[in-house]
């Protein structure tokens, strides 16, 4: 019936509004991630969530509460915001400091 796609880096999220035979609306959320194997062949892994009308409100409340908590936690400075890629480094710390050596395992 209706699809909204959201590209987010290597992932694409699809929000599909669908209807059952009984004309009840439901939502599928699909995460599609592009993967390339060693030979260069491209494939996509997909994960799907089905959300039915009786759960819309509770799901929206839970999602909103979770996003608010994430924003609160990011505001403490103890966690990365969505603007960062990779782990934060303290001043003077180089990328070599993050490397894991076989001897450390």
C-alpha atoms as a PDB file:
ATOM      1  CA  UNK A   1       0.000   0.000   0.000  1.00  0.00           C
ATOM      2  CA  UNK A   2       2.673   2.480   1.039  1.00  0.00           C
ATOM      3  CA  UNK A   3       6.460   2.273   1.555  1.00  0.00           C
ATOM      4  CA  UNK A   4       8.957   4.662   3.065  1.00  0.00           C
ATOM      5  CA  UNK A   5      12.647   3.850   2.711  1.00  0.00           C
ATOM      6  CA  UNK A   6      15.405   5.305   4.862  1.00  0.00           C
ATOM      7  CA  UNK A   7      19.035   4.916   3.798  1.00  0.00           C
ATOM      8  CA  UNK A   8      21.456   4.810   6.719  1.00  0.00           C
ATOM      9  CA  UNK A   9      25.022   3.968   5.712  1.00  0.00           C
ATOM     10  CA  UNK A  10      25.262   0.316   4.669  1.00  0.00           C
ATOM     11  CA  UNK A  11      21.695  -0.287   5.796  1.00  0.00           C
ATOM     12  CA  UNK A  12      18.341   0.610   4.321  1.00  0.00           C
ATOM     13  CA  UNK A  13      15.180   0.497   6.405  1.00  0.00           C
ATOM     14  CA  UNK A  14      11.810  -0.047   4.753  1.00  0.00           C
ATOM     15  CA  UNK A  15       8.578   0.887   6.509  1.00  0.00           C
ATOM     16  CA  UNK A  16       5.786  -0.886   4.622  1.00  0.00           C
ATOM     17  CA  UNK A  17       2.138  -0.252   5.436  1.00  0.00           C
ATOM     18  CA  UNK A  18       0.100  -3.266   4.412  1.00  0.00           C
ATOM     19  CA  UNK A  19      -3.403  -4.602   4.836  1.00  0.00           C
ATOM     20  CA  UNK A  20      -4.708  -8.045   5.686  1.00  0.00           C
ATOM     21  CA  UNK A  21      -7.527  -9.659   3.714  1.00  0.00           C
ATOM     22  CA  UNK A  22      -9.846  -8.385   6.456  1.00  0.00           C
ATOM     23  CA  UNK A  23      -8.619  -4.821   5.695  1.00  0.00           C
ATOM     24  CA  UNK A  24      -6.691  -4.480   8.981  1.00  0.00           C
ATOM     25  CA  UNK A  25      -3.582  -2.354   8.582  1.00  0.00           C
ATOM     26  CA  UNK A  26      -0.192  -3.474   9.835  1.00  0.00           C
ATOM     27  CA  UNK A  27       3.389  -2.316   9.480  1.00  0.00           C
ATOM     28  CA  UNK A  28       6.489  -4.228   8.490  1.00  0.00           C
ATOM     29  CA  UNK A  29       9.888  -2.755   9.260  1.00  0.00           C
ATOM     30  CA  UNK A  30      12.683  -4.343   7.249  1.00  0.00           C
ATOM     31  CA  UNK A  31      16.389  -3.771   7.733  1.00  0.00           C
ATOM     32  CA  UNK A  32      18.339  -4.601   4.586  1.00  0.00           C
ATOM     33  CA  UNK A  33      22.129  -4.677   4.744  1.00  0.00           C
ATOM     34  CA  UNK A  34      24.333  -4.961   1.681  1.00  0.00           C
ATOM     35  CA  UNK A  35      27.157  -7.475   2.006  1.00  0.00           C
ATOM     36  CA  UNK A  36      29.998  -8.257  -0.367  1.00  0.00           C
ATOM     37  CA  UNK A  37      31.762 -11.610  -0.099  1.00  0.00           C
ATOM     38  CA  UNK A  38      35.440 -12.288  -0.850  1.00  0.00           C
ATOM     39  CA  UNK A  39      34.747 -12.914  -4.558  1.00  0.00           C
ATOM     40  CA  UNK A  40      32.988  -9.548  -4.879  1.00  0.00           C
ATOM     41  CA  UNK A  41      29.488 -11.029  -5.103  1.00  0.00           C
ATOM     42  CA  UNK A  42      26.855  -8.792  -3.511  1.00  0.00           C
ATOM     43  CA  UNK A  43      24.042 -10.111  -1.346  1.00  0.00           C
ATOM     44  CA  UNK A  44      21.581  -8.585   1.092  1.00  0.00           C
ATOM     45  CA  UNK A  45      20.712  -9.776   4.564  1.00  0.00           C
ATOM     46  CA  UNK A  46      17.247  -8.839   5.750  1.00  0.00           C
ATOM     47  CA  UNK A  47      15.564  -8.722   9.125  1.00  0.00           C
ATOM     48  CA  UNK A  48      11.860  -8.090   9.375  1.00  0.00           C
ATOM     49  CA  UNK A  49       9.559  -6.939  12.164  1.00  0.00           C
ATOM     50  CA  UNK A  50       5.781  -7.213  11.885  1.00  0.00           C
ATOM     51  CA  UNK A  51       3.775  -4.722  13.898  1.00  0.00           C
ATOM     52  CA  UNK A  52       0.018  -5.182  14.193  1.00  0.00           C
ATOM     53  CA  UNK A  53      -2.609  -2.515  14.878  1.00  0.00           C
ATOM     54  CA  UNK A  54      -3.260  -3.599  18.457  1.00  0.00           C
ATOM     55  CA  UNK A  55       0.413  -2.908  19.247  1.00  0.00           C
ATOM     56  CA  UNK A  56       0.924   0.424  17.404  1.00  0.00           C
ATOM     57  CA  UNK A  57       0.436   2.670  20.428  1.00  0.00           C
ATOM     58  CA  UNK A  58       2.510   0.574  22.849  1.00  0.00           C
ATOM     59  CA  UNK A  59       5.291   0.202  20.279  1.00  0.00           C
ATOM     60  CA  UNK A  60       5.332   3.961  19.574  1.00  0.00           C
ATOM     61  CA  UNK A  61       5.449   4.668  23.340  1.00  0.00           C
ATOM     62  CA  UNK A  62       8.326   2.225  23.840  1.00  0.00           C
ATOM     63  CA  UNK A  63      10.263   3.603  20.872  1.00  0.00           C
ATOM     64  CA  UNK A  64       9.747   7.204  22.014  1.00  0.00           C
ATOM     65  CA  UNK A  65      10.814   6.370  25.588  1.00  0.00           C
ATOM     66  CA  UNK A  66      13.892   4.518  24.321  1.00  0.00           C
ATOM     67  CA  UNK A  67      14.956   7.379  22.036  1.00  0.00           C
ATOM     68  CA  UNK A  68      14.479   9.884  24.869  1.00  0.00           C
ATOM     69  CA  UNK A  69      16.643   7.725  27.161  1.00  0.00           C
ATOM     70  CA  UNK A  70      19.338   7.460  24.469  1.00  0.00           C
ATOM     71  CA  UNK A  71      19.364  11.255  24.096  1.00  0.00           C
ATOM     72  CA  UNK A  72      19.591  11.619  27.879  1.00  0.00           C
ATOM     73  CA  UNK A  73      22.495   9.150  28.117  1.00  0.00           C
ATOM     74  CA  UNK A  74      24.340  10.782  25.215  1.00  0.00           C
ATOM     75  CA  UNK A  75      23.964  14.125  26.978  1.00  0.00           C
ATOM     76  CA  UNK A  76      26.008  12.838  29.924  1.00  0.00           C
ATOM     77  CA  UNK A  77      29.141  12.679  27.771  1.00  0.00           C
ATOM     78  CA  UNK A  78      29.710   9.031  28.764  1.00  0.00           C
ATOM     79  CA  UNK A  79      28.400   7.743  25.429  1.00  0.00           C
ATOM     80  CA  UNK A  80      28.848   8.624  21.782  1.00  0.00           C
ATOM     81  CA  UNK A  81      26.262  10.661  19.965  1.00  0.00           C
ATOM     82  CA  UNK A  82      25.030   9.650  16.520  1.00  0.00           C
ATOM     83  CA  UNK A  83      27.545  12.069  15.013  1.00  0.00           C
ATOM     84  CA  UNK A  84      30.587   9.923  15.813  1.00  0.00           C
ATOM     85  CA  UNK A  85      31.998   7.032  13.839  1.00  0.00           C
ATOM     86  CA  UNK A  86      34.016   4.578  15.874  1.00  0.00           C
ATOM     87  CA  UNK A  87      35.143   4.779  19.467  1.00  0.00           C
ATOM     88  CA  UNK A  88      36.048   8.095  21.035  1.00  0.00           C
ATOM     89  CA  UNK A  89      39.698   8.712  21.738  1.00  0.00           C
ATOM     90  CA  UNK A  90      40.961  10.761  24.617  1.00  0.00           C
ATOM     91  CA  UNK A  91      43.456  13.537  23.955  1.00  0.00           C
ATOM     92  CA  UNK A  92      46.816  12.216  22.823  1.00  0.00           C
ATOM     93  CA  UNK A  93      45.451   8.728  22.152  1.00  0.00           C
ATOM     94  CA  UNK A  94      46.273   7.399  18.698  1.00  0.00           C
ATOM     95  CA  UNK A  95      44.575   4.759  16.581  1.00  0.00           C
ATOM     96  CA  UNK A  96      47.423   2.382  17.507  1.00  0.00           C
ATOM     97  CA  UNK A  97      46.305   2.548  21.152  1.00  0.00           C
ATOM     98  CA  UNK A  98      43.016   0.863  20.081  1.00  0.00           C
ATOM     99  CA  UNK A  99      44.656  -2.072  18.332  1.00  0.00           C
ATOM    100  CA  UNK A 100      44.154  -5.500  19.828  1.00  0.00           C
ATOM    101  CA  UNK A 101      47.260  -7.629  19.760  1.00  0.00           C
ATOM    102  CA  UNK A 102      47.210 -11.408  19.601  1.00  0.00           C
ATOM    103  CA  UNK A 103      49.242 -11.504  22.836  1.00  0.00           C
ATOM    104  CA  UNK A 104      46.431  -9.630  24.608  1.00  0.00           C
ATOM    105  CA  UNK A 105      43.870 -12.343  23.872  1.00  0.00           C
END
